Amino acid sequence: MSKFAIGEQVENVANDHESGTVVAVFPTVDGSFRYAVDTEGYDTLQFFTEEKLAFAVTRRGAT
């Protein structure tokens, strides 16, 4: 089972903590998963392995 689901907010922990929304999940032949993420500010999809993603931290109450 994949760690992230379509629609979840994630961030790229491997590079500048870019955040975005998971728009597709792809199983690989070795049993792991790849994710298509609509990364904010780029207007393109970026593809990540599960190890490079984490759930995005939302800042509530920040002004």
PDB file of N, CA and C in Angstrom:
ATOM      1  N   MET A   1       0.836  -1.171   0.000  1.00  0.00           N
ATOM      2  CA  MET A   1       0.000   0.000   0.000  1.00  0.00           C
ATOM      3  C   MET A   1       0.888   1.245   0.000  1.00  0.00           C
ATOM      4  N   SER A   2       0.507   2.252  -0.760  1.00  0.00           N
ATOM      5  CA  SER A   2       1.306   3.472  -0.856  1.00  0.00           C
ATOM      6  C   SER A   2       1.173   4.324   0.403  1.00  0.00           C
ATOM      7  N   LYS A   3       2.209   5.068   0.691  1.00  0.00           N
ATOM      8  CA  LYS A   3       2.232   5.928   1.876  1.00  0.00           C
ATOM      9  C   LYS A   3       1.361   7.171   1.686  1.00  0.00           C
ATOM     10  N   PHE A   4       1.324   7.709   0.456  1.00  0.00           N
ATOM     11  CA  PHE A   4       0.576   8.931   0.156  1.00  0.00           C
ATOM     12  C   PHE A   4      -0.564   8.613  -0.803  1.00  0.00           C
ATOM     13  N   ALA A   5      -1.633   9.386  -0.710  1.00  0.00           N
ATOM     14  CA  ALA A   5      -2.799   9.186  -1.573  1.00  0.00           C
ATOM     15  C   ALA A   5      -3.025  10.426  -2.428  1.00  0.00           C
ATOM     16  N   ILE A   6      -3.760  10.242  -3.506  1.00  0.00           N
ATOM     17  CA  ILE A   6      -4.113  11.359  -4.377  1.00  0.00           C
ATOM     18  C   ILE A   6      -4.847  12.416  -3.562  1.00  0.00           C
ATOM     19  N   GLY A   7      -4.443  13.668  -3.752  1.00  0.00           N
ATOM     20  CA  GLY A   7      -5.054  14.788  -3.058  1.00  0.00           C
ATOM     21  C   GLY A   7      -4.320  15.229  -1.810  1.00  0.00           C
ATOM     22  N   GLU A   8      -3.366  14.432  -1.321  1.00  0.00           N
ATOM     23  CA  GLU A   8      -2.642  14.806  -0.112  1.00  0.00           C
ATOM     24  C   GLU A   8      -1.554  15.830  -0.421  1.00  0.00           C
ATOM     25  N   GLN A   9      -1.324  16.715   0.544  1.00  0.00           N
ATOM     26  CA  GLN A   9      -0.269  17.716   0.440  1.00  0.00           C
ATOM     27  C   GLN A   9       1.033  17.092   0.924  1.00  0.00           C
ATOM     28  N   VAL A  10       2.078  17.197   0.105  1.00  0.00           N
ATOM     29  CA  VAL A  10       3.384  16.629   0.431  1.00  0.00           C
ATOM     30  C   VAL A  10       4.463  17.669   0.190  1.00  0.00           C
ATOM     31  N   GLU A  11       5.649  17.392   0.713  1.00  0.00           N
ATOM     32  CA  GLU A  11       6.793  18.244   0.419  1.00  0.00           C
ATOM     33  C   GLU A  11       7.991  17.376   0.082  1.00  0.00           C
ATOM     34  N   ASN A  12       8.843  17.918  -0.756  1.00  0.00           N
ATOM     35  CA  ASN A  12      10.056  17.236  -1.203  1.00  0.00           C
ATOM     36  C   ASN A  12      11.137  17.466  -0.156  1.00  0.00           C
ATOM     37  N   VAL A  13      11.436  16.474   0.650  1.00  0.00           N
ATOM     38  CA  VAL A  13      12.431  16.622   1.714  1.00  0.00           C
ATOM     39  C   VAL A  13      13.862  16.575   1.191  1.00  0.00           C
ATOM     40  N   ALA A  14      14.041  16.166  -0.042  1.00  0.00           N
ATOM     41  CA  ALA A  14      15.379  16.047  -0.603  1.00  0.00           C
ATOM     42  C   ALA A  14      15.891  17.356  -1.212  1.00  0.00           C
ATOM     43  N   ASN A  15      14.985  18.321  -1.455  1.00  0.00           N
ATOM     44  CA  ASN A  15      15.412  19.522  -2.166  1.00  0.00           C
ATOM     45  C   ASN A  15      14.501  20.695  -1.838  1.00  0.00           C
ATOM     46  N   ASP A  16      14.953  21.606  -1.025  1.00  0.00           N
ATOM     47  CA  ASP A  16      14.271  22.879  -0.742  1.00  0.00           C
ATOM     48  C   ASP A  16      12.859  22.767  -0.185  1.00  0.00           C
ATOM     49  N   HIS A  17      12.430  21.594   0.185  1.00  0.00           N
ATOM     50  CA  HIS A  17      11.100  21.394   0.783  1.00  0.00           C
ATOM     51  C   HIS A  17       9.974  22.008  -0.054  1.00  0.00           C
ATOM     52  N   GLU A  18      10.068  21.858  -1.369  1.00  0.00           N
ATOM     53  CA  GLU A  18       8.986  22.303  -2.240  1.00  0.00           C
ATOM     54  C   GLU A  18       7.737  21.520  -1.869  1.00  0.00           C
ATOM     55  N   SER A  19       6.591  22.172  -1.905  1.00  0.00           N
ATOM     56  CA  SER A  19       5.360  21.467  -1.556  1.00  0.00           C
ATOM     57  C   SER A  19       4.436  21.385  -2.761  1.00  0.00           C
ATOM     58  N   GLY A  20       3.499  20.452  -2.681  1.00  0.00           N
ATOM     59  CA  GLY A  20       2.549  20.283  -3.760  1.00  0.00           C
ATOM     60  C   GLY A  20       1.511  19.237  -3.403  1.00  0.00           C
ATOM     61  N   THR A  21       0.706  18.886  -4.393  1.00  0.00           N
ATOM     62  CA  THR A  21      -0.397  17.950  -4.203  1.00  0.00           C
ATOM     63  C   THR A  21      -0.158  16.697  -5.032  1.00  0.00           C
ATOM     64  N   VAL A  22      -0.328  15.533  -4.420  1.00  0.00           N
ATOM     65  CA  VAL A  22      -0.209  14.266  -5.142  1.00  0.00           C
ATOM     66  C   VAL A  22      -1.385  14.159  -6.111  1.00  0.00           C
ATOM     67  N   VAL A  23      -1.084  13.954  -7.400  1.00  0.00           N
ATOM     68  CA  VAL A  23      -2.140  13.835  -8.398  1.00  0.00           C
ATOM     69  C   VAL A  23      -2.202  12.440  -9.020  1.00  0.00           C
ATOM     70  N   ALA A  24      -1.158  11.618  -8.791  1.00  0.00           N
ATOM     71  CA  ALA A  24      -1.172  10.240  -9.300  1.00  0.00           C
ATOM     72  C   ALA A  24      -0.169   9.406  -8.519  1.00  0.00           C
ATOM     73  N   VAL A  25      -0.488   8.119  -8.373  1.00  0.00           N
ATOM     74  CA  VAL A  25       0.390   7.169  -7.689  1.00  0.00           C
ATOM     75  C   VAL A  25       0.639   6.006  -8.649  1.00  0.00           C
ATOM     76  N   PHE A  26       1.916   5.662  -8.845  1.00  0.00           N
ATOM     77  CA  PHE A  26       2.290   4.602  -9.770  1.00  0.00           C
ATOM     78  C   PHE A  26       3.065   3.508  -9.044  1.00  0.00           C
ATOM     79  N   PRO A  27       2.581   2.268  -9.051  1.00  0.00           N
ATOM     80  CA  PRO A  27       3.378   1.178  -8.494  1.00  0.00           C
ATOM     81  C   PRO A  27       4.487   0.811  -9.479  1.00  0.00           C
ATOM     82  N   THR A  28       5.641   0.426  -8.945  1.00  0.00           N
ATOM     83  CA  THR A  28       6.744   0.003  -9.803  1.00  0.00           C
ATOM     84  C   THR A  28       6.845  -1.517  -9.788  1.00  0.00           C
ATOM     85  N   VAL A  29       7.626  -2.081 -10.686  1.00  0.00           N
ATOM     86  CA  VAL A  29       7.748  -3.530 -10.772  1.00  0.00           C
ATOM     87  C   VAL A  29       8.421  -4.134  -9.541  1.00  0.00           C
ATOM     88  N   ASP A  30       9.200  -3.316  -8.812  1.00  0.00           N
ATOM     89  CA  ASP A  30       9.863  -3.834  -7.612  1.00  0.00           C
ATOM     90  C   ASP A  30       9.015  -3.671  -6.343  1.00  0.00           C
ATOM     91  N   GLY A  31       7.783  -3.198  -6.489  1.00  0.00           N
ATOM     92  CA  GLY A  31       6.877  -3.096  -5.353  1.00  0.00           C
ATOM     93  C   GLY A  31       6.875  -1.762  -4.629  1.00  0.00           C
ATOM     94  N   SER A  32       7.689  -0.814  -5.070  1.00  0.00           N
ATOM     95  CA  SER A  32       7.674   0.516  -4.460  1.00  0.00           C
ATOM     96  C   SER A  32       6.689   1.412  -5.232  1.00  0.00           C
ATOM     97  N   PHE A  33       6.649   2.685  -4.878  1.00  0.00           N
ATOM     98  CA  PHE A  33       5.714   3.606  -5.525  1.00  0.00           C
ATOM     99  C   PHE A  33       6.427   4.871  -5.969  1.00  0.00           C
ATOM    100  N   ARG A  34       5.923   5.449  -7.048  1.00  0.00           N
ATOM    101  CA  ARG A  34       6.345   6.766  -7.528  1.00  0.00           C
ATOM    102  C   ARG A  34       5.110   7.648  -7.518  1.00  0.00           C
ATOM    103  N   TYR A  35       5.342   8.943  -7.321  1.00  0.00           N
ATOM    104  CA  TYR A  35       4.237   9.892  -7.182  1.00  0.00           C
ATOM    105  C   TYR A  35       4.393  11.050  -8.151  1.00  0.00           C
ATOM    106  N   ALA A  36       3.296  11.397  -8.821  1.00  0.00           N
ATOM    107  CA  ALA A  36       3.250  12.611  -9.634  1.00  0.00           C
ATOM    108  C   ALA A  36       2.702  13.701  -8.731  1.00  0.00           C
ATOM    109  N   VAL A  37       3.494  14.770  -8.582  1.00  0.00           N
ATOM    110  CA  VAL A  37       3.132  15.855  -7.674  1.00  0.00           C
ATOM    111  C   VAL A  37       3.013  17.153  -8.466  1.00  0.00           C
ATOM    112  N   ASP A  38       1.879  17.829  -8.303  1.00  0.00           N
ATOM    113  CA  ASP A  38       1.677  19.153  -8.884  1.00  0.00           C
ATOM    114  C   ASP A  38       2.343  20.132  -7.924  1.00  0.00           C
ATOM    115  N   THR A  39       3.587  20.491  -8.226  1.00  0.00           N
ATOM    116  CA  THR A  39       4.385  21.321  -7.335  1.00  0.00           C
ATOM    117  C   THR A  39       4.020  22.785  -7.523  1.00  0.00           C
ATOM    118  N   GLU A  40       3.743  23.450  -6.420  1.00  0.00           N
ATOM    119  CA  GLU A  40       3.320  24.848  -6.455  1.00  0.00           C
ATOM    120  C   GLU A  40       4.390  25.733  -7.074  1.00  0.00           C
ATOM    121  N   GLY A  41       3.962  26.595  -8.002  1.00  0.00           N
ATOM    122  CA  GLY A  41       4.863  27.560  -8.608  1.00  0.00           C
ATOM    123  C   GLY A  41       5.546  27.110  -9.884  1.00  0.00           C
ATOM    124  N   TYR A  42       5.395  25.839 -10.278  1.00  0.00           N
ATOM    125  CA  TYR A  42       6.086  25.343 -11.468  1.00  0.00           C
ATOM    126  C   TYR A  42       5.166  25.077 -12.650  1.00  0.00           C
ATOM    127  N   ASP A  43       3.876  24.907 -12.420  1.00  0.00           N
ATOM    128  CA  ASP A  43       2.911  24.596 -13.483  1.00  0.00           C
ATOM    129  C   ASP A  43       3.281  23.340 -14.265  1.00  0.00           C
ATOM    130  N   THR A  44       3.967  22.408 -13.629  1.00  0.00           N
ATOM    131  CA  THR A  44       4.299  21.125 -14.243  1.00  0.00           C
ATOM    132  C   THR A  44       4.174  20.038 -13.186  1.00  0.00           C
ATOM    133  N   LEU A  45       4.128  18.806 -13.642  1.00  0.00           N
ATOM    134  CA  LEU A  45       4.155  17.678 -12.717  1.00  0.00           C
ATOM    135  C   LEU A  45       5.602  17.265 -12.497  1.00  0.00           C
ATOM    136  N   GLN A  46       5.918  16.936 -11.265  1.00  0.00           N
ATOM    137  CA  GLN A  46       7.225  16.390 -10.948  1.00  0.00           C
ATOM    138  C   GLN A  46       7.004  15.005 -10.362  1.00  0.00           C
ATOM    139  N   PHE A  47       7.923  14.085 -10.633  1.00  0.00           N
ATOM    140  CA  PHE A  47       7.798  12.707 -10.193  1.00  0.00           C
ATOM    141  C   PHE A  47       8.827  12.416  -9.113  1.00  0.00           C
ATOM    142  N   PHE A  48       8.361  11.792  -8.013  1.00  0.00           N
ATOM    143  CA  PHE A  48       9.219  11.533  -6.864  1.00  0.00           C
ATOM    144  C   PHE A  48       9.068  10.097  -6.394  1.00  0.00           C
ATOM    145  N   THR A  49      10.138   9.572  -5.807  1.00  0.00           N
ATOM    146  CA  THR A  49      10.050   8.302  -5.102  1.00  0.00           C
ATOM    147  C   THR A  49       9.511   8.589  -3.704  1.00  0.00           C
ATOM    148  N   GLU A  50       9.001   7.563  -3.064  1.00  0.00           N
ATOM    149  CA  GLU A  50       8.395   7.720  -1.746  1.00  0.00           C
ATOM    150  C   GLU A  50       9.389   8.255  -0.711  1.00  0.00           C
ATOM    151  N   GLU A  51      10.654   7.870  -0.831  1.00  0.00           N
ATOM    152  CA  GLU A  51      11.667   8.285   0.141  1.00  0.00           C
ATOM    153  C   GLU A  51      11.934   9.776   0.125  1.00  0.00           C
ATOM    154  N   LYS A  52      11.625  10.442  -0.975  1.00  0.00           N
ATOM    155  CA  LYS A  52      11.908  11.870  -1.095  1.00  0.00           C
ATOM    156  C   LYS A  52      10.736  12.755  -0.689  1.00  0.00           C
ATOM    157  N   LEU A  53       9.648  12.141  -0.230  1.00  0.00           N
ATOM    158  CA  LEU A  53       8.466  12.919   0.138  1.00  0.00           C
ATOM    159  C   LEU A  53       8.119  12.751   1.607  1.00  0.00           C
ATOM    160  N   ALA A  54       7.476  13.774   2.158  1.00  0.00           N
ATOM    161  CA  ALA A  54       6.924  13.743   3.510  1.00  0.00           C
ATOM    162  C   ALA A  54       5.611  14.506   3.486  1.00  0.00           C
ATOM    163  N   PHE A  55       4.758  14.234   4.455  1.00  0.00           N
ATOM    164  CA  PHE A  55       3.516  14.987   4.556  1.00  0.00           C
ATOM    165  C   PHE A  55       3.861  16.449   4.797  1.00  0.00           C
ATOM    166  N   ALA A  56       3.182  17.345   4.094  1.00  0.00           N
ATOM    167  CA  ALA A  56       3.449  18.787   4.238  1.00  0.00           C
ATOM    168  C   ALA A  56       2.977  19.262   5.598  1.00  0.00           C
ATOM    169  N   VAL A  57       3.767  20.116   6.204  1.00  0.00           N
ATOM    170  CA  VAL A  57       3.416  20.700   7.486  1.00  0.00           C
ATOM    171  C   VAL A  57       2.613  21.958   7.229  1.00  0.00           C
ATOM    172  N   THR A  58       1.426  22.026   7.774  1.00  0.00           N
ATOM    173  CA  THR A  58       0.607  23.227   7.620  1.00  0.00           C
ATOM    174  C   THR A  58       0.835  24.130   8.813  1.00  0.00           C
ATOM    175  N   ARG A  59       0.932  25.393   8.551  1.00  0.00           N
ATOM    176  CA  ARG A  59       1.176  26.364   9.613  1.00  0.00           C
ATOM    177  C   ARG A  59      -0.130  27.042   9.957  1.00  0.00           C
ATOM    178  N   ARG A  60      -0.747  26.588  11.010  1.00  0.00           N
ATOM    179  CA  ARG A  60      -2.018  27.166  11.443  1.00  0.00           C
ATOM    180  C   ARG A  60      -1.752  28.309  12.406  1.00  0.00           C
ATOM    181  N   GLY A  61      -2.529  29.353  12.230  1.00  0.00           N
ATOM    182  CA  GLY A  61      -2.412  30.490  13.127  1.00  0.00           C
ATOM    183  C   GLY A  61      -1.258  31.422  12.802  1.00  0.00           C
ATOM    184  N   ALA A  62      -0.541  31.145  11.736  1.00  0.00           N
ATOM    185  CA  ALA A  62       0.561  32.028  11.345  1.00  0.00           C
ATOM    186  C   ALA A  62      -0.007  33.292  10.705  1.00  0.00           C
ATOM    187  N   THR A  63       0.633  34.393  10.972  1.00  0.00           N
ATOM    188  CA  THR A  63       0.167  35.661  10.382  1.00  0.00           C
ATOM    189  C   THR A  63       1.237  36.294   9.568  1.00  0.00           C
TER     190      THR A  63
END
